[in-house]
Amino acid sequence: MTTGYNIQKMDAKIKEIRKAAEELQELGGDIEAVNKNLVRLLASTKMLELNISDAISLV
C-alpha cells in the first residue's frame, strides 16, 4: 500500500471542485436538474473537505 499521499495537492483539487460547482450554480440559473445535481456534488465536496482539507492541520 502506498503511503506517499500529497494532501496539499488533494486539497487544491477539492477547492477547484468547489469553485467549479459554485460557478455552475451561477451559470445554471433556474435549471432544476442542474441545481439538484449540484446540491449532491457540493455535499460530496463537503465530505472531501472534512476528510482531506481538515486533515491538513493534523499532518
PDB file of N, CA and C in Angstrom:
ATOM      1  N   MET A   1       0.834  -1.174   0.000  1.00  0.00           N
ATOM      2  CA  MET A   1       0.000   0.000   0.000  1.00  0.00           C
ATOM      3  C   MET A   1       0.885   1.247   0.000  1.00  0.00           C
ATOM      4  N   THR A   2       0.584   2.194  -0.847  1.00  0.00           N
ATOM      5  CA  THR A   2       1.345   3.423  -0.954  1.00  0.00           C
ATOM      6  C   THR A   2       0.924   4.395   0.135  1.00  0.00           C
ATOM      7  N   THR A   3       1.903   5.009   0.780  1.00  0.00           N
ATOM      8  CA  THR A   3       1.593   5.999   1.805  1.00  0.00           C
ATOM      9  C   THR A   3       2.080   7.383   1.426  1.00  0.00           C
ATOM     10  N   GLY A   4       2.503   7.583   0.203  1.00  0.00           N
ATOM     11  CA  GLY A   4       3.028   8.857  -0.256  1.00  0.00           C
ATOM     12  C   GLY A   4       1.947   9.775  -0.801  1.00  0.00           C
ATOM     13  N   TYR A   5       0.936  10.040   0.003  1.00  0.00           N
ATOM     14  CA  TYR A   5      -0.155  10.899  -0.444  1.00  0.00           C
ATOM     15  C   TYR A   5       0.277  12.356  -0.412  1.00  0.00           C
ATOM     16  N   ASN A   6      -0.186  13.107  -1.390  1.00  0.00           N
ATOM     17  CA  ASN A   6       0.090  14.540  -1.419  1.00  0.00           C
ATOM     18  C   ASN A   6      -1.191  15.260  -0.988  1.00  0.00           C
ATOM     19  N   ILE A   7      -1.331  15.445   0.318  1.00  0.00           N
ATOM     20  CA  ILE A   7      -2.546  16.020   0.888  1.00  0.00           C
ATOM     21  C   ILE A   7      -2.764  17.446   0.394  1.00  0.00           C
ATOM     22  N   GLN A   8      -1.695  18.214   0.266  1.00  0.00           N
ATOM     23  CA  GLN A   8      -1.838  19.597  -0.188  1.00  0.00           C
ATOM     24  C   GLN A   8      -2.381  19.659  -1.617  1.00  0.00           C
ATOM     25  N   LYS A   9      -1.897  18.765  -2.471  1.00  0.00           N
ATOM     26  CA  LYS A   9      -2.379  18.733  -3.853  1.00  0.00           C
ATOM     27  C   LYS A   9      -3.843  18.277  -3.897  1.00  0.00           C
ATOM     28  N   MET A  10      -4.184  17.309  -3.053  1.00  0.00           N
ATOM     29  CA  MET A  10      -5.570  16.853  -2.975  1.00  0.00           C
ATOM     30  C   MET A  10      -6.471  17.996  -2.505  1.00  0.00           C
ATOM     31  N   ASP A  11      -6.012  18.752  -1.518  1.00  0.00           N
ATOM     32  CA  ASP A  11      -6.766  19.899  -1.010  1.00  0.00           C
ATOM     33  C   ASP A  11      -7.005  20.923  -2.116  1.00  0.00           C
ATOM     34  N   ALA A  12      -5.987  21.186  -2.906  1.00  0.00           N
ATOM     35  CA  ALA A  12      -6.122  22.151  -4.005  1.00  0.00           C
ATOM     36  C   ALA A  12      -7.161  21.682  -5.019  1.00  0.00           C
ATOM     37  N   LYS A  13      -7.170  20.390  -5.335  1.00  0.00           N
ATOM     38  CA  LYS A  13      -8.146  19.844  -6.284  1.00  0.00           C
ATOM     39  C   LYS A  13      -9.563  19.930  -5.720  1.00  0.00           C
ATOM     40  N   ILE A  14      -9.716  19.674  -4.424  1.00  0.00           N
ATOM     41  CA  ILE A  14     -11.028  19.765  -3.791  1.00  0.00           C
ATOM     42  C   ILE A  14     -11.538  21.198  -3.874  1.00  0.00           C
ATOM     43  N   LYS A  15     -10.648  22.156  -3.653  1.00  0.00           N
ATOM     44  CA  LYS A  15     -11.036  23.573  -3.773  1.00  0.00           C
ATOM     45  C   LYS A  15     -11.450  23.909  -5.202  1.00  0.00           C
ATOM     46  N   GLU A  16     -10.772  23.322  -6.182  1.00  0.00           N
ATOM     47  CA  GLU A  16     -11.149  23.526  -7.585  1.00  0.00           C
ATOM     48  C   GLU A  16     -12.540  22.967  -7.862  1.00  0.00           C
ATOM     49  N   ILE A  17     -12.831  21.804  -7.293  1.00  0.00           N
ATOM     50  CA  ILE A  17     -14.155  21.190  -7.471  1.00  0.00           C
ATOM     51  C   ILE A  17     -15.230  22.110  -6.903  1.00  0.00           C
ATOM     52  N   ARG A  18     -15.007  22.621  -5.677  1.00  0.00           N
ATOM     53  CA  ARG A  18     -15.989  23.523  -5.055  1.00  0.00           C
ATOM     54  C   ARG A  18     -16.189  24.765  -5.918  1.00  0.00           C
ATOM     55  N   LYS A  19     -15.083  25.356  -6.376  1.00  0.00           N
ATOM     56  CA  LYS A  19     -15.175  26.568  -7.198  1.00  0.00           C
ATOM     57  C   LYS A  19     -15.953  26.292  -8.483  1.00  0.00           C
ATOM     58  N   ALA A  20     -15.662  25.179  -9.138  1.00  0.00           N
ATOM     59  CA  ALA A  20     -16.359  24.826 -10.375  1.00  0.00           C
ATOM     60  C   ALA A  20     -17.849  24.606 -10.131  1.00  0.00           C
ATOM     61  N   ALA A  21     -18.185  23.937  -9.037  1.00  0.00           N
ATOM     62  CA  ALA A  21     -19.594  23.691  -8.710  1.00  0.00           C
ATOM     63  C   ALA A  21     -20.319  25.001  -8.444  1.00  0.00           C
ATOM     64  N   GLU A  22     -19.674  25.911  -7.729  1.00  0.00           N
ATOM     65  CA  GLU A  22     -20.292  27.202  -7.448  1.00  0.00           C
ATOM     66  C   GLU A  22     -20.475  28.020  -8.723  1.00  0.00           C
ATOM     67  N   GLU A  23     -19.513  27.940  -9.642  1.00  0.00           N
ATOM     68  CA  GLU A  23     -19.641  28.624 -10.933  1.00  0.00           C
ATOM     69  C   GLU A  23     -20.794  28.032 -11.742  1.00  0.00           C
ATOM     70  N   LEU A  24     -20.931  26.707 -11.702  1.00  0.00           N
ATOM     71  CA  LEU A  24     -22.040  26.051 -12.402  1.00  0.00           C
ATOM     72  C   LEU A  24     -23.385  26.472 -11.827  1.00  0.00           C
ATOM     73  N   GLN A  25     -23.446  26.694 -10.520  1.00  0.00           N
ATOM     74  CA  GLN A  25     -24.686  27.160  -9.907  1.00  0.00           C
ATOM     75  C   GLN A  25     -25.093  28.502 -10.498  1.00  0.00           C
ATOM     76  N   GLU A  26     -24.122  29.376 -10.666  1.00  0.00           N
ATOM     77  CA  GLU A  26     -24.402  30.691 -11.252  1.00  0.00           C
ATOM     78  C   GLU A  26     -24.843  30.558 -12.708  1.00  0.00           C
ATOM     79  N   LEU A  27     -24.171  29.704 -13.453  1.00  0.00           N
ATOM     80  CA  LEU A  27     -24.480  29.524 -14.871  1.00  0.00           C
ATOM     81  C   LEU A  27     -25.791  28.774 -15.082  1.00  0.00           C
ATOM     82  N   GLY A  28     -26.113  27.861 -14.167  1.00  0.00           N
ATOM     83  CA  GLY A  28     -27.284  27.011 -14.315  1.00  0.00           C
ATOM     84  C   GLY A  28     -28.601  27.728 -14.107  1.00  0.00           C
ATOM     85  N   GLY A  29     -28.540  28.859 -13.432  1.00  0.00           N
ATOM     86  CA  GLY A  29     -29.755  29.621 -13.210  1.00  0.00           C
ATOM     87  C   GLY A  29     -30.823  28.798 -12.508  1.00  0.00           C
ATOM     88  N   ASP A  30     -31.974  28.709 -13.140  1.00  0.00           N
ATOM     89  CA  ASP A  30     -33.120  28.013 -12.549  1.00  0.00           C
ATOM     90  C   ASP A  30     -33.341  26.621 -13.124  1.00  0.00           C
ATOM     91  N   ILE A  31     -32.324  26.044 -13.728  1.00  0.00           N
ATOM     92  CA  ILE A  31     -32.474  24.696 -14.270  1.00  0.00           C
ATOM     93  C   ILE A  31     -32.473  23.716 -13.098  1.00  0.00           C
ATOM     94  N   GLU A  32     -33.638  23.134 -12.827  1.00  0.00           N
ATOM     95  CA  GLU A  32     -33.825  22.301 -11.642  1.00  0.00           C
ATOM     96  C   GLU A  32     -32.881  21.102 -11.603  1.00  0.00           C
ATOM     97  N   ALA A  33     -32.704  20.428 -12.721  1.00  0.00           N
ATOM     98  CA  ALA A  33     -31.844  19.247 -12.754  1.00  0.00           C
ATOM     99  C   ALA A  33     -30.400  19.619 -12.404  1.00  0.00           C
ATOM    100  N   VAL A  34     -29.936  20.737 -12.910  1.00  0.00           N
ATOM    101  CA  VAL A  34     -28.577  21.188 -12.614  1.00  0.00           C
ATOM    102  C   VAL A  34     -28.450  21.496 -11.124  1.00  0.00           C
ATOM    103  N   ASN A  35     -29.421  22.233 -10.593  1.00  0.00           N
ATOM    104  CA  ASN A  35     -29.366  22.608  -9.178  1.00  0.00           C
ATOM    105  C   ASN A  35     -29.394  21.390  -8.261  1.00  0.00           C
ATOM    106  N   LYS A  36     -30.244  20.419  -8.562  1.00  0.00           N
ATOM    107  CA  LYS A  36     -30.323  19.225  -7.718  1.00  0.00           C
ATOM    108  C   LYS A  36     -29.010  18.441  -7.745  1.00  0.00           C
ATOM    109  N   ASN A  37     -28.419  18.319  -8.914  1.00  0.00           N
ATOM    110  CA  ASN A  37     -27.145  17.601  -9.017  1.00  0.00           C
ATOM    111  C   ASN A  37     -26.022  18.364  -8.325  1.00  0.00           C
ATOM    112  N   LEU A  38     -26.066  19.681  -8.393  1.00  0.00           N
ATOM    113  CA  LEU A  38     -25.041  20.471  -7.728  1.00  0.00           C
ATOM    114  C   LEU A  38     -25.158  20.394  -6.208  1.00  0.00           C
ATOM    115  N   VAL A  39     -26.366  20.272  -5.699  1.00  0.00           N
ATOM    116  CA  VAL A  39     -26.539  20.085  -4.259  1.00  0.00           C
ATOM    117  C   VAL A  39     -25.826  18.811  -3.826  1.00  0.00           C
ATOM    118  N   ARG A  40     -25.990  17.740  -4.602  1.00  0.00           N
ATOM    119  CA  ARG A  40     -25.318  16.480  -4.279  1.00  0.00           C
ATOM    120  C   ARG A  40     -23.798  16.601  -4.433  1.00  0.00           C
ATOM    121  N   LEU A  41     -23.376  17.270  -5.493  1.00  0.00           N
ATOM    122  CA  LEU A  41     -21.942  17.451  -5.723  1.00  0.00           C
ATOM    123  C   LEU A  41     -21.314  18.260  -4.591  1.00  0.00           C
ATOM    124  N   LEU A  42     -21.983  19.315  -4.168  1.00  0.00           N
ATOM    125  CA  LEU A  42     -21.443  20.133  -3.085  1.00  0.00           C
ATOM    126  C   LEU A  42     -21.445  19.377  -1.759  1.00  0.00           C
ATOM    127  N   ALA A  43     -22.422  18.526  -1.550  1.00  0.00           N
ATOM    128  CA  ALA A  43     -22.437  17.705  -0.330  1.00  0.00           C
ATOM    129  C   ALA A  43     -21.259  16.729  -0.339  1.00  0.00           C
ATOM    130  N   SER A  44     -20.997  16.118  -1.477  1.00  0.00           N
ATOM    131  CA  SER A  44     -19.849  15.206  -1.590  1.00  0.00           C
ATOM    132  C   SER A  44     -18.534  15.967  -1.430  1.00  0.00           C
ATOM    133  N   THR A  45     -18.491  17.168  -1.976  1.00  0.00           N
ATOM    134  CA  THR A  45     -17.302  18.003  -1.847  1.00  0.00           C
ATOM    135  C   THR A  45     -17.062  18.358  -0.382  1.00  0.00           C
ATOM    136  N   LYS A  46     -18.137  18.641   0.339  1.00  0.00           N
ATOM    137  CA  LYS A  46     -18.017  18.943   1.764  1.00  0.00           C
ATOM    138  C   LYS A  46     -17.422  17.759   2.519  1.00  0.00           C
ATOM    139  N   MET A  47     -17.844  16.563   2.170  1.00  0.00           N
ATOM    140  CA  MET A  47     -17.288  15.373   2.815  1.00  0.00           C
ATOM    141  C   MET A  47     -15.793  15.251   2.519  1.00  0.00           C
ATOM    142  N   LEU A  48     -15.394  15.538   1.280  1.00  0.00           N
ATOM    143  CA  LEU A  48     -13.967  15.521   0.947  1.00  0.00           C
ATOM    144  C   LEU A  48     -13.217  16.566   1.762  1.00  0.00           C
ATOM    145  N   GLU A  49     -13.816  17.745   1.914  1.00  0.00           N
ATOM    146  CA  GLU A  49     -13.175  18.783   2.714  1.00  0.00           C
ATOM    147  C   GLU A  49     -12.994  18.317   4.155  1.00  0.00           C
ATOM    148  N   LEU A  50     -14.013  17.693   4.703  1.00  0.00           N
ATOM    149  CA  LEU A  50     -13.924  17.203   6.080  1.00  0.00           C
ATOM    150  C   LEU A  50     -12.869  16.116   6.214  1.00  0.00           C
ATOM    151  N   ASN A  51     -12.770  15.260   5.207  1.00  0.00           N
ATOM    152  CA  ASN A  51     -11.829  14.132   5.271  1.00  0.00           C
ATOM    153  C   ASN A  51     -10.397  14.525   4.909  1.00  0.00           C
ATOM    154  N   ILE A  52     -10.235  15.414   3.954  1.00  0.00           N
ATOM    155  CA  ILE A  52      -8.893  15.733   3.449  1.00  0.00           C
ATOM    156  C   ILE A  52      -8.447  17.124   3.893  1.00  0.00           C
ATOM    157  N   SER A  53      -9.221  18.136   3.548  1.00  0.00           N
ATOM    158  CA  SER A  53      -8.807  19.511   3.821  1.00  0.00           C
ATOM    159  C   SER A  53      -8.623  19.769   5.305  1.00  0.00           C
ATOM    160  N   ASP A  54      -9.521  19.239   6.129  1.00  0.00           N
ATOM    161  CA  ASP A  54      -9.400  19.428   7.560  1.00  0.00           C
ATOM    162  C   ASP A  54      -8.241  18.610   8.143  1.00  0.00           C
ATOM    163  N   ALA A  55      -7.830  17.579   7.435  1.00  0.00           N
ATOM    164  CA  ALA A  55      -6.741  16.734   7.914  1.00  0.00           C
ATOM    165  C   ALA A  55      -5.376  17.414   7.764  1.00  0.00           C
ATOM    166  N   ILE A  56      -5.312  18.439   6.944  1.00  0.00           N
ATOM    167  CA  ILE A  56      -4.037  19.140   6.730  1.00  0.00           C
ATOM    168  C   ILE A  56      -3.485  19.672   8.051  1.00  0.00           C
ATOM    169  N   SER A  57      -4.373  20.147   8.914  1.00  0.00           N
ATOM    170  CA  SER A  57      -3.906  20.693  10.190  1.00  0.00           C
ATOM    171  C   SER A  57      -3.326  19.598  11.100  1.00  0.00           C
ATOM    172  N   LEU A  58      -3.653  18.353  10.801  1.00  0.00           N
ATOM    173  CA  LEU A  58      -3.159  17.238  11.619  1.00  0.00           C
ATOM    174  C   LEU A  58      -1.844  16.671  11.122  1.00  0.00           C
ATOM    175  N   VAL A  59      -1.504  17.007   9.876  1.00  0.00           N
ATOM    176  CA  VAL A  59      -0.302  16.440   9.263  1.00  0.00           C
ATOM    177  C   VAL A  59       0.900  17.324   9.542  1.00  0.00           C
TER     178      VAL A  59
END
